[in-house]
N, C-alpha and C. Protein backbone atom coordinates (compact mmCIF):
# COMPACT_ATOMS: atom_id res chain seq x y z
N MET A 1 58.93 0.37 33.51
CA MET A 1 58.16 -0.29 34.40
C MET A 1 58.46 -1.87 34.22
N THR A 2 58.02 -2.05 32.86
CA THR A 2 58.09 -3.47 32.72
C THR A 2 59.20 -4.07 32.94
N LYS A 3 60.61 -3.46 32.88
CA LYS A 3 61.76 -3.85 32.98
C LYS A 3 61.82 -4.37 34.73
N SER A 4 61.27 -3.83 35.46
CA SER A 4 61.38 -4.09 37.08
C SER A 4 60.16 -5.32 37.49
N LEU A 5 59.48 -5.73 36.54
CA LEU A 5 58.53 -6.48 36.84
C LEU A 5 59.46 -7.99 36.51
N LYS A 6 59.08 -9.20 37.47
CA LYS A 6 59.62 -10.39 37.03
C LYS A 6 59.06 -10.99 35.94
N PHE A 7 59.59 -12.12 35.21
CA PHE A 7 59.10 -12.37 34.05
C PHE A 7 57.90 -13.15 34.45
N SER A 8 57.43 -13.57 35.59
CA SER A 8 56.22 -14.39 36.00
C SER A 8 55.26 -13.24 35.91
N HIS A 9 55.52 -12.13 36.28
CA HIS A 9 54.68 -11.12 36.40
C HIS A 9 54.03 -10.46 35.18
N LYS A 10 55.01 -10.54 34.20
CA LYS A 10 54.84 -9.97 32.77
C LYS A 10 54.13 -10.86 32.15
N ILE A 11 54.02 -12.37 32.29
CA ILE A 11 53.18 -13.18 31.89
C ILE A 11 51.84 -13.07 32.11
N LEU A 12 51.70 -12.75 33.56
CA LEU A 12 50.48 -12.61 34.49
C LEU A 12 49.70 -11.37 33.79
N LEU A 13 50.52 -10.20 33.47
CA LEU A 13 50.05 -9.19 33.04
C LEU A 13 49.45 -9.20 31.61
N ALA A 14 50.27 -9.94 30.91
CA ALA A 14 49.81 -10.38 29.23
C ALA A 14 48.79 -11.21 29.41
N ALA A 15 48.53 -12.21 30.23
CA ALA A 15 47.59 -12.75 30.30
C ALA A 15 46.18 -12.29 30.71
N SER A 16 46.28 -11.46 31.74
CA SER A 16 45.28 -10.66 31.92
C SER A 16 45.16 -9.33 31.00
N LEU A 17 45.70 -9.22 30.32
CA LEU A 17 45.27 -8.05 29.28
C LEU A 17 44.40 -8.65 28.27
N VAL A 18 44.92 -10.13 27.63
CA VAL A 18 44.25 -10.90 26.74
C VAL A 18 42.87 -11.31 27.11
N VAL A 19 42.69 -11.44 28.38
CA VAL A 19 41.38 -11.92 28.96
C VAL A 19 40.37 -10.56 29.33
N ILE A 20 40.85 -9.39 29.51
CA ILE A 20 39.96 -8.33 29.57
C ILE A 20 39.91 -8.13 28.07
N ALA A 21 40.56 -8.00 27.08
CA ALA A 21 40.36 -7.80 25.61
C ALA A 21 39.26 -8.71 25.46
N ALA A 22 39.43 -10.17 25.66
CA ALA A 22 38.38 -11.09 25.18
C ALA A 22 37.19 -10.80 25.71
N PHE A 23 36.95 -10.31 27.16
CA PHE A 23 35.75 -10.08 27.62
C PHE A 23 35.12 -8.72 26.97
N THR A 24 36.14 -8.06 26.64
CA THR A 24 35.54 -6.31 25.86
C THR A 24 34.85 -6.76 24.74
N LEU A 25 35.45 -7.86 23.83
CA LEU A 25 35.15 -8.24 22.57
C LEU A 25 34.00 -9.00 22.95
N PHE A 26 33.74 -9.88 23.72
CA PHE A 26 32.81 -10.59 23.80
C PHE A 26 31.49 -9.92 24.35
N THR A 27 31.70 -8.74 25.21
CA THR A 27 30.56 -7.63 25.59
C THR A 27 30.12 -6.79 24.52
N PHE A 28 30.87 -6.44 23.58
CA PHE A 28 30.47 -5.87 22.23
C PHE A 28 29.94 -6.69 21.41
N TYR A 29 30.33 -7.90 21.07
CA TYR A 29 29.70 -8.92 20.26
C TYR A 29 28.23 -9.09 20.87
N ASN A 30 27.95 -9.63 22.07
CA ASN A 30 26.79 -9.71 22.93
C ASN A 30 25.87 -8.37 22.64
N ASP A 31 26.46 -7.22 22.83
CA ASP A 31 25.50 -6.31 22.86
C ASP A 31 25.09 -6.03 21.18
N TYR A 32 25.89 -6.08 20.20
CA TYR A 32 25.50 -6.37 19.00
C TYR A 32 24.39 -7.13 18.57
N LEU A 33 24.48 -8.56 19.11
CA LEU A 33 23.61 -9.53 18.97
C LEU A 33 21.99 -9.10 19.74
N GLN A 34 22.29 -8.57 21.12
CA GLN A 34 20.84 -8.21 21.48
C GLN A 34 20.37 -7.12 20.75
N ARG A 35 20.92 -6.15 20.48
CA ARG A 35 20.33 -5.04 19.55
C ARG A 35 19.72 -5.64 18.56
N ASN A 36 20.17 -6.45 17.64
CA ASN A 36 19.69 -7.06 16.17
C ASN A 36 18.38 -7.85 16.91
N ALA A 37 18.49 -8.57 17.79
CA ALA A 37 17.44 -9.45 18.50
C ALA A 37 16.20 -8.46 18.71
N LEU A 38 16.33 -7.48 19.56
CA LEU A 38 15.55 -6.42 19.97
C LEU A 38 15.01 -5.87 18.81
N ARG A 39 15.47 -5.28 17.79
CA ARG A 39 15.31 -4.72 16.36
C ARG A 39 14.26 -5.35 15.71
N LEU A 40 14.61 -6.79 15.47
CA LEU A 40 13.82 -7.75 14.87
C LEU A 40 12.58 -7.83 15.49
N GLN A 41 12.52 -8.04 16.72
CA GLN A 41 11.28 -8.16 17.89
C GLN A 41 10.50 -7.12 17.44
N LEU A 42 10.97 -5.77 17.69
CA LEU A 42 10.25 -4.68 17.50
C LEU A 42 9.72 -4.53 16.37
N LYS A 43 10.34 -4.95 15.27
CA LYS A 43 9.78 -5.01 13.72
C LYS A 43 8.74 -5.79 13.62
N GLU A 44 8.77 -6.99 14.02
CA GLU A 44 7.83 -8.08 14.20
C GLU A 44 6.34 -7.57 14.92
N ASN A 45 6.77 -6.98 16.10
CA ASN A 45 5.55 -6.54 16.78
C ASN A 45 4.95 -5.06 16.25
N LEU A 46 5.67 -4.45 15.47
CA LEU A 46 5.06 -3.19 14.81
C LEU A 46 4.34 -4.03 13.42
N ASN A 47 4.88 -4.79 13.09
CA ASN A 47 4.00 -5.27 11.81
C ASN A 47 2.75 -6.10 12.41
N GLN A 48 2.88 -6.60 13.37
CA GLN A 48 1.82 -7.35 13.86
C GLN A 48 0.62 -6.32 14.59
N THR A 49 1.25 -5.29 14.84
CA THR A 49 0.31 -4.12 15.12
C THR A 49 -0.35 -3.35 13.92
N GLY A 50 0.52 -3.29 12.92
CA GLY A 50 -0.24 -2.62 11.79
C GLY A 50 -1.00 -3.36 11.18
N ASP A 51 -0.85 -4.98 10.85
CA ASP A 51 -1.90 -5.92 10.48
C ASP A 51 -3.12 -5.74 11.26
N SER A 52 -2.98 -5.79 12.42
CA SER A 52 -4.24 -5.92 13.19
C SER A 52 -4.85 -4.46 13.28
N THR A 53 -4.14 -3.42 13.29
CA THR A 53 -5.07 -2.03 13.10
C THR A 53 -5.53 -2.20 11.68
N ALA A 54 -5.01 -2.45 10.69
CA ALA A 54 -5.79 -2.52 9.21
C ALA A 54 -6.80 -3.53 9.01
N GLY A 55 -6.69 -4.54 10.08
CA GLY A 55 -7.95 -5.34 9.84
C GLY A 55 -9.12 -4.73 10.63
N ASN A 56 -8.93 -4.06 11.74
CA ASN A 56 -9.86 -3.43 12.39
C ASN A 56 -10.46 -2.60 11.65
N ILE A 57 -9.74 -1.57 11.01
CA ILE A 57 -10.17 -0.49 9.98
C ILE A 57 -10.92 -1.17 8.88
N ARG A 58 -10.60 -2.24 8.29
CA ARG A 58 -11.26 -3.07 7.14
C ARG A 58 -12.66 -3.33 7.93
N ASN A 59 -12.96 -4.00 9.27
CA ASN A 59 -13.70 -4.39 9.74
C ASN A 59 -14.78 -3.48 9.80
N TRP A 60 -14.27 -2.34 10.47
CA TRP A 60 -15.33 -1.00 10.68
C TRP A 60 -15.63 -0.52 9.42
N LEU A 61 -14.84 -0.41 8.60
CA LEU A 61 -15.33 0.20 7.37
C LEU A 61 -16.26 -0.66 6.34
N SER A 62 -16.04 -1.98 6.46
CA SER A 62 -17.12 -2.83 5.84
C SER A 62 -18.25 -2.82 6.54
N GLY A 63 -18.39 -2.95 7.73
CA GLY A 63 -19.85 -2.77 8.34
C GLY A 63 -20.67 -1.31 7.85
N ARG A 64 -19.99 -0.21 7.69
CA ARG A 64 -20.46 0.93 7.38
C ARG A 64 -20.85 0.87 5.73
N ILE A 65 -19.97 0.02 5.15
CA ILE A 65 -20.30 -0.17 3.63
C ILE A 65 -21.48 -0.90 3.62
N LEU A 66 -21.71 -2.16 4.34
CA LEU A 66 -22.93 -2.48 4.15
C LEU A 66 -24.15 -1.94 4.67
N LEU A 67 -23.96 -1.13 5.60
CA LEU A 67 -25.41 -0.21 6.00
C LEU A 67 -25.61 0.59 4.91
N VAL A 68 -24.67 1.34 4.23
CA VAL A 68 -24.73 2.12 2.94
C VAL A 68 -25.60 1.12 1.78
N GLU A 69 -24.95 0.15 1.68
CA GLU A 69 -25.40 -0.60 0.46
C GLU A 69 -26.82 -1.16 0.86
N ASN A 70 -27.13 -1.58 2.37
CA ASN A 70 -28.40 -2.00 2.48
C ASN A 70 -29.44 -1.14 2.50
N LEU A 71 -29.23 0.22 2.46
CA LEU A 71 -30.10 1.62 2.48
C LEU A 71 -30.37 1.86 1.11
N ALA A 72 -29.44 1.56 0.14
CA ALA A 72 -29.45 1.89 -1.11
C ALA A 72 -30.61 0.81 -1.74
N GLU A 73 -30.44 -0.34 -1.57
CA GLU A 73 -30.95 -1.66 -1.82
C GLU A 73 -32.49 -1.42 -1.70
N ASN A 74 -32.83 -0.99 -0.16
CA ASN A 74 -34.00 -0.39 0.24
C ASN A 74 -34.78 0.49 -0.39
N ALA A 75 -33.75 1.54 -0.81
CA ALA A 75 -34.35 2.84 -1.55
C ALA A 75 -34.52 2.48 -2.98
N SER A 76 -34.12 1.27 -3.73
CA SER A 76 -34.53 1.07 -4.98
C SER A 76 -35.84 0.39 -5.12
N SER A 77 -36.47 -0.09 -4.01
CA SER A 77 -37.92 -0.38 -4.24
C SER A 77 -38.92 0.49 -4.15
N PRO A 78 -40.20 0.68 -4.66
CA PRO A 78 -40.81 1.78 -5.03
C PRO A 78 -41.42 1.94 -3.56
N GLN A 79 -41.18 3.33 -2.95
CA GLN A 79 -41.55 3.55 -1.75
C GLN A 79 -42.02 4.83 -1.88
N SER A 80 -42.75 5.63 -0.73
CA SER A 80 -43.31 6.88 -0.55
C SER A 80 -42.22 7.55 -0.07
N THR A 81 -42.37 8.68 -0.37
CA THR A 81 -41.18 10.02 -0.09
C THR A 81 -41.16 9.75 1.62
N ASP A 82 -42.28 9.71 2.09
CA ASP A 82 -42.10 9.71 3.76
C ASP A 82 -41.58 8.43 4.38
N ALA A 83 -41.86 7.11 3.40
CA ALA A 83 -41.02 6.04 3.81
C ALA A 83 -39.60 6.00 3.52
N GLN A 84 -39.22 6.54 2.24
CA GLN A 84 -37.79 6.87 2.28
C GLN A 84 -37.25 7.55 3.19
N ASN A 85 -38.10 8.78 3.87
CA ASN A 85 -37.43 9.77 4.65
C ASN A 85 -37.36 9.10 6.34
N LEU A 86 -38.29 7.93 6.36
CA LEU A 86 -38.19 7.26 7.40
C LEU A 86 -37.03 6.41 7.38
N ALA A 87 -36.66 5.60 6.36
CA ALA A 87 -35.83 4.86 6.23
C ALA A 87 -34.30 5.60 6.54
N LEU A 88 -34.14 6.70 6.28
CA LEU A 88 -32.94 7.54 6.15
C LEU A 88 -32.69 7.86 7.78
N GLY A 89 -33.93 7.88 8.61
CA GLY A 89 -33.60 8.14 9.66
C GLY A 89 -33.75 7.24 10.76
N GLN A 90 -33.42 5.83 10.28
CA GLN A 90 -33.36 4.76 11.47
C GLN A 90 -32.29 5.03 12.61
N PRO A 91 -32.87 4.58 13.76
CA PRO A 91 -31.99 4.84 14.77
C PRO A 91 -30.58 4.38 14.62
N THR A 92 -30.33 3.08 13.83
CA THR A 92 -28.90 2.30 13.55
C THR A 92 -28.29 3.32 12.89
N LEU A 93 -28.77 3.75 11.97
CA LEU A 93 -27.88 4.94 11.02
C LEU A 93 -27.49 5.94 11.55
N ILE A 94 -28.62 6.96 12.28
CA ILE A 94 -28.29 8.09 12.76
C ILE A 94 -27.23 7.90 13.99
N ALA A 95 -27.27 6.63 14.75
CA ALA A 95 -26.14 6.43 15.71
C ALA A 95 -24.94 5.99 15.14
N THR A 96 -25.02 5.58 14.06
CA THR A 96 -23.46 5.11 13.28
C THR A 96 -22.95 6.14 12.42
N PHE A 97 -23.63 6.92 11.66
CA PHE A 97 -23.30 8.10 10.93
C PHE A 97 -23.64 9.49 11.48
N MET A 98 -22.91 10.49 11.26
CA MET A 98 -23.20 11.81 11.44
C MET A 98 -23.99 12.57 10.77
N SER A 99 -24.49 11.91 9.65
CA SER A 99 -24.90 12.45 8.46
C SER A 99 -25.72 11.57 7.61
N ILE A 100 -26.77 11.46 7.14
CA ILE A 100 -27.16 10.46 6.12
C ILE A 100 -27.96 11.17 5.07
N TYR A 101 -27.46 11.01 3.85
CA TYR A 101 -28.64 12.09 2.81
C TYR A 101 -28.60 11.39 1.75
N GLN A 102 -29.72 11.47 0.89
CA GLN A 102 -30.03 11.06 -0.35
C GLN A 102 -29.84 12.33 -1.64
N GLY A 103 -29.24 12.10 -2.67
CA GLY A 103 -29.49 13.09 -3.52
C GLY A 103 -29.94 12.44 -4.85
N LYS A 104 -30.90 13.05 -5.52
CA LYS A 104 -31.50 12.67 -6.75
C LYS A 104 -31.25 13.29 -7.85
N SER A 105 -31.71 12.70 -9.16
CA SER A 105 -31.38 13.19 -10.38
C SER A 105 -31.96 14.54 -10.62
N ASP A 106 -32.93 14.69 -9.90
CA ASP A 106 -33.49 16.07 -10.26
C ASP A 106 -33.10 17.26 -9.23
N GLY A 107 -32.16 17.01 -8.63
CA GLY A 107 -31.65 18.00 -7.74
C GLY A 107 -31.98 17.73 -6.38
N SER A 108 -33.16 17.31 -5.91
CA SER A 108 -33.62 17.29 -4.59
C SER A 108 -32.83 16.41 -3.68
N PHE A 109 -32.54 17.03 -2.47
CA PHE A 109 -31.83 16.44 -1.52
C PHE A 109 -32.95 16.24 -0.20
N VAL A 110 -32.17 15.11 0.52
CA VAL A 110 -33.15 14.48 1.74
C VAL A 110 -31.99 14.43 2.55
N THR A 111 -31.99 14.92 4.07
CA THR A 111 -30.73 14.37 4.79
C THR A 111 -31.37 14.45 6.46
N GLN A 112 -30.56 13.41 7.09
CA GLN A 112 -31.09 13.08 8.24
C GLN A 112 -29.71 12.92 9.23
N PRO A 113 -29.70 13.73 10.36
CA PRO A 113 -30.54 14.65 10.77
C PRO A 113 -30.67 16.05 10.02
N PRO A 114 -31.89 16.78 9.84
CA PRO A 114 -31.91 17.79 8.66
C PRO A 114 -30.70 18.89 9.07
N ASP A 115 -30.51 19.45 8.08
CA ASP A 115 -29.43 20.46 8.01
C ASP A 115 -30.05 21.60 7.21
N ASP A 116 -29.87 22.78 7.63
CA ASP A 116 -29.86 23.91 6.86
C ASP A 116 -28.75 24.07 5.79
N MET A 117 -29.15 23.57 4.63
CA MET A 117 -28.33 23.75 3.23
C MET A 117 -28.49 24.98 2.56
N PRO A 118 -27.26 25.48 1.87
CA PRO A 118 -27.30 26.55 1.07
C PRO A 118 -28.49 26.64 0.24
N ALA A 119 -29.02 27.78 -0.29
CA ALA A 119 -29.88 27.90 -1.23
C ALA A 119 -29.66 27.30 -2.44
N ASP A 120 -28.36 27.38 -2.71
CA ASP A 120 -28.06 27.02 -4.23
C ASP A 120 -27.45 25.59 -4.16
N TYR A 121 -27.80 24.85 -2.99
CA TYR A 121 -27.16 23.76 -3.03
C TYR A 121 -27.77 22.43 -3.91
N ASP A 122 -26.94 21.93 -4.65
CA ASP A 122 -27.15 20.82 -5.59
C ASP A 122 -26.50 19.66 -5.55
N PRO A 123 -26.96 18.47 -5.04
CA PRO A 123 -26.33 17.52 -4.74
C PRO A 123 -25.52 16.90 -6.07
N ARG A 124 -26.06 17.03 -7.29
CA ARG A 124 -25.40 16.48 -8.36
C ARG A 124 -24.10 17.17 -8.68
N THR A 125 -23.73 18.24 -7.99
CA THR A 125 -22.55 18.79 -8.24
C THR A 125 -21.60 18.41 -6.99
N ARG A 126 -21.73 17.76 -6.22
CA ARG A 126 -21.04 17.31 -5.14
C ARG A 126 -20.04 16.09 -5.47
N PRO A 127 -18.89 15.88 -5.02
CA PRO A 127 -18.23 14.90 -5.21
C PRO A 127 -18.57 13.56 -4.76
N TRP A 128 -19.37 13.67 -3.78
CA TRP A 128 -19.92 12.35 -3.26
C TRP A 128 -21.06 11.71 -4.20
N TYR A 129 -21.85 12.63 -4.98
CA TYR A 129 -22.77 11.96 -5.80
C TYR A 129 -22.11 11.96 -7.34
N VAL A 130 -21.38 12.86 -7.94
CA VAL A 130 -20.80 12.55 -9.05
C VAL A 130 -19.76 11.21 -9.00
N ASP A 131 -18.89 11.11 -8.19
CA ASP A 131 -18.10 9.83 -8.15
C ASP A 131 -19.10 8.61 -7.47
N ALA A 132 -20.41 8.57 -7.37
CA ALA A 132 -20.67 7.43 -7.08
C ALA A 132 -21.65 6.97 -8.20
N VAL A 133 -22.10 8.19 -8.92
CA VAL A 133 -23.00 7.70 -10.10
C VAL A 133 -21.79 7.41 -11.44
N ARG A 134 -20.83 8.20 -11.30
CA ARG A 134 -19.65 7.59 -12.29
C ARG A 134 -19.06 6.16 -12.24
N ALA A 135 -19.22 5.91 -10.74
CA ALA A 135 -18.55 4.45 -10.34
C ALA A 135 -19.75 3.50 -10.56
N GLY A 136 -20.79 3.97 -10.21
CA GLY A 136 -22.11 3.25 -10.15
C GLY A 136 -21.68 1.69 -9.03
N LYS A 137 -20.91 2.08 -8.13
CA LYS A 137 -20.83 0.95 -7.29
C LYS A 137 -20.54 2.16 -5.76
N THR A 138 -20.30 1.35 -4.81
CA THR A 138 -20.04 2.02 -3.43
C THR A 138 -18.64 2.55 -3.67
N ILE A 139 -18.35 3.74 -3.18
CA ILE A 139 -16.94 4.45 -3.30
C ILE A 139 -16.83 5.14 -1.74
N LEU A 140 -15.56 5.45 -1.72
CA LEU A 140 -15.07 6.23 -0.37
C LEU A 140 -14.39 7.42 -1.10
N THR A 141 -15.22 8.52 -1.06
CA THR A 141 -14.70 9.92 -2.01
C THR A 141 -13.15 10.24 -1.12
N GLU A 142 -12.33 11.17 -2.04
CA GLU A 142 -11.30 11.80 -1.44
C GLU A 142 -11.85 12.76 -0.38
N PRO A 143 -10.91 13.53 0.64
CA PRO A 143 -11.42 14.39 1.38
C PRO A 143 -11.79 15.35 0.80
N TYR A 144 -13.01 16.43 0.94
CA TYR A 144 -13.28 17.54 0.14
C TYR A 144 -14.01 18.43 1.23
N LEU A 145 -14.55 19.58 0.84
CA LEU A 145 -14.82 20.80 1.44
C LEU A 145 -16.58 20.48 1.94
N ASP A 146 -17.09 20.43 2.95
CA ASP A 146 -18.44 19.94 3.33
C ASP A 146 -19.07 21.24 3.09
N ALA A 147 -20.32 21.30 2.36
CA ALA A 147 -21.02 22.59 2.35
C ALA A 147 -21.66 23.09 3.67
N VAL A 148 -21.84 22.43 4.77
CA VAL A 148 -22.47 22.75 5.65
C VAL A 148 -21.43 23.29 6.62
N THR A 149 -20.65 22.27 6.97
CA THR A 149 -19.65 22.52 8.10
C THR A 149 -18.17 23.31 7.62
N LYS A 150 -18.15 23.50 6.30
CA LYS A 150 -16.95 24.08 5.66
C LYS A 150 -15.73 23.40 6.20
N GLY A 151 -15.87 21.98 6.88
CA GLY A 151 -14.47 21.32 6.85
C GLY A 151 -14.24 20.36 6.03
N LEU A 152 -13.09 19.72 6.01
CA LEU A 152 -12.57 18.54 5.20
C LEU A 152 -13.41 17.25 5.76
N ILE A 153 -14.16 16.56 4.82
CA ILE A 153 -14.88 15.36 5.16
C ILE A 153 -14.64 14.18 3.96
N VAL A 154 -15.00 13.14 4.44
CA VAL A 154 -15.04 12.05 3.42
C VAL A 154 -16.42 11.44 3.51
N THR A 155 -16.70 10.77 2.40
CA THR A 155 -18.14 10.36 2.38
C THR A 155 -18.11 8.85 1.59
N LEU A 156 -18.85 8.19 2.28
CA LEU A 156 -19.29 6.68 1.78
C LEU A 156 -20.57 6.84 1.20
N ALA A 157 -20.45 6.79 -0.54
CA ALA A 157 -21.59 6.74 -1.12
C ALA A 157 -22.02 5.52 -2.25
N THR A 158 -23.26 5.55 -2.71
CA THR A 158 -23.32 4.52 -3.71
C THR A 158 -24.71 4.72 -4.40
N THR A 159 -24.98 4.25 -5.28
CA THR A 159 -26.35 4.15 -6.19
C THR A 159 -27.05 2.95 -5.79
N PRO A 160 -28.31 3.21 -6.00
CA PRO A 160 -29.59 1.75 -5.85
C PRO A 160 -29.00 1.04 -6.91
N PRO A 161 -29.24 -0.11 -6.66
CA PRO A 161 -28.96 -1.11 -7.50
C PRO A 161 -29.77 -1.04 -8.73
N THR A 162 -30.98 -0.81 -8.71
CA THR A 162 -31.97 -0.76 -9.83
C THR A 162 -32.18 0.87 -10.45
N ALA A 163 -31.24 1.85 -10.00
CA ALA A 163 -31.36 2.94 -10.61
C ALA A 163 -30.01 3.65 -10.66
N GLN A 164 -28.92 2.68 -11.32
CA GLN A 164 -27.75 3.20 -11.37
C GLN A 164 -27.52 4.12 -12.64
N HIS A 165 -26.86 5.23 -11.82
CA HIS A 165 -26.67 6.78 -12.86
C HIS A 165 -27.99 7.46 -12.79
N SER A 166 -28.71 7.40 -12.01
CA SER A 166 -29.87 8.37 -12.05
C SER A 166 -29.91 8.88 -10.52
N GLU A 167 -29.47 8.17 -9.58
CA GLU A 167 -29.61 8.80 -8.12
C GLU A 167 -28.30 8.22 -7.56
N GLY A 168 -28.00 9.23 -6.62
CA GLY A 168 -26.92 9.08 -5.54
C GLY A 168 -27.20 8.97 -4.26
N LYS A 169 -27.24 7.86 -3.52
CA LYS A 169 -27.69 7.66 -2.16
C LYS A 169 -26.23 7.61 -1.20
N SER A 170 -26.20 8.55 -0.41
CA SER A 170 -25.10 8.72 0.30
C SER A 170 -25.41 8.77 1.98
N LEU A 171 -24.33 8.15 2.65
CA LEU A 171 -24.34 8.39 4.18
C LEU A 171 -22.98 8.48 4.05
N ARG A 172 -22.71 9.71 5.14
CA ARG A 172 -21.62 10.19 5.48
C ARG A 172 -20.80 9.79 6.70
N ARG A 173 -19.64 9.96 7.22
CA ARG A 173 -19.01 9.70 8.48
C ARG A 173 -18.00 10.86 8.23
N GLU A 174 -18.56 11.99 8.99
CA GLU A 174 -17.73 13.31 8.84
C GLU A 174 -16.21 13.24 9.54
N THR A 175 -15.32 13.64 9.03
CA THR A 175 -14.10 13.42 9.54
C THR A 175 -13.57 15.01 9.62
N ALA A 176 -13.03 15.71 10.47
CA ALA A 176 -12.91 16.99 10.54
C ALA A 176 -11.20 16.96 10.56
N PHE A 177 -10.61 17.91 9.85
CA PHE A 177 -8.86 17.59 9.83
C PHE A 177 -8.71 19.23 10.34
N ALA A 178 -7.67 19.36 11.25
CA ALA A 178 -7.35 20.52 11.68
C ALA A 178 -6.22 20.93 11.05
N SER A 179 -5.94 22.31 10.59
CA SER A 179 -4.78 22.83 10.18
C SER A 179 -3.80 23.74 10.55
């Protein structure tokens, strides 16, 4: 077929093929650049979203930590049992946490709202109490099995500042995990 073409047509065909090849290569190169730019932009957006989410979680948890520490500080001052129970039942605490409780070194236990605890329940054996007393500061427990709900929960716990290692005071935000 190329033998029947005139020389000028052959040159025109060769030039057309070069132009088509150049545009094809340019298209693939542009596609490569656009993919990299989109990938970089997506990575930056995901990093910003992750940082924002982490900041929101940090702020959410910090507010709850401050509530727990404030309650522990208030409990460290001499108060009657009724006054301590009233402090545990403050509307702000009840609205913020699903359950608020205090375990004492003598094994007694107070919770708001009241729960029916097993007869052999001893807060001193629970992870939130043991970890808070051992640490002597505010802690967030690893997930563990709740004595009432039988579900996995985490607890934010601390000890009163003037009674370190003798009482564990805890407020918990229950989180259920489905299996």
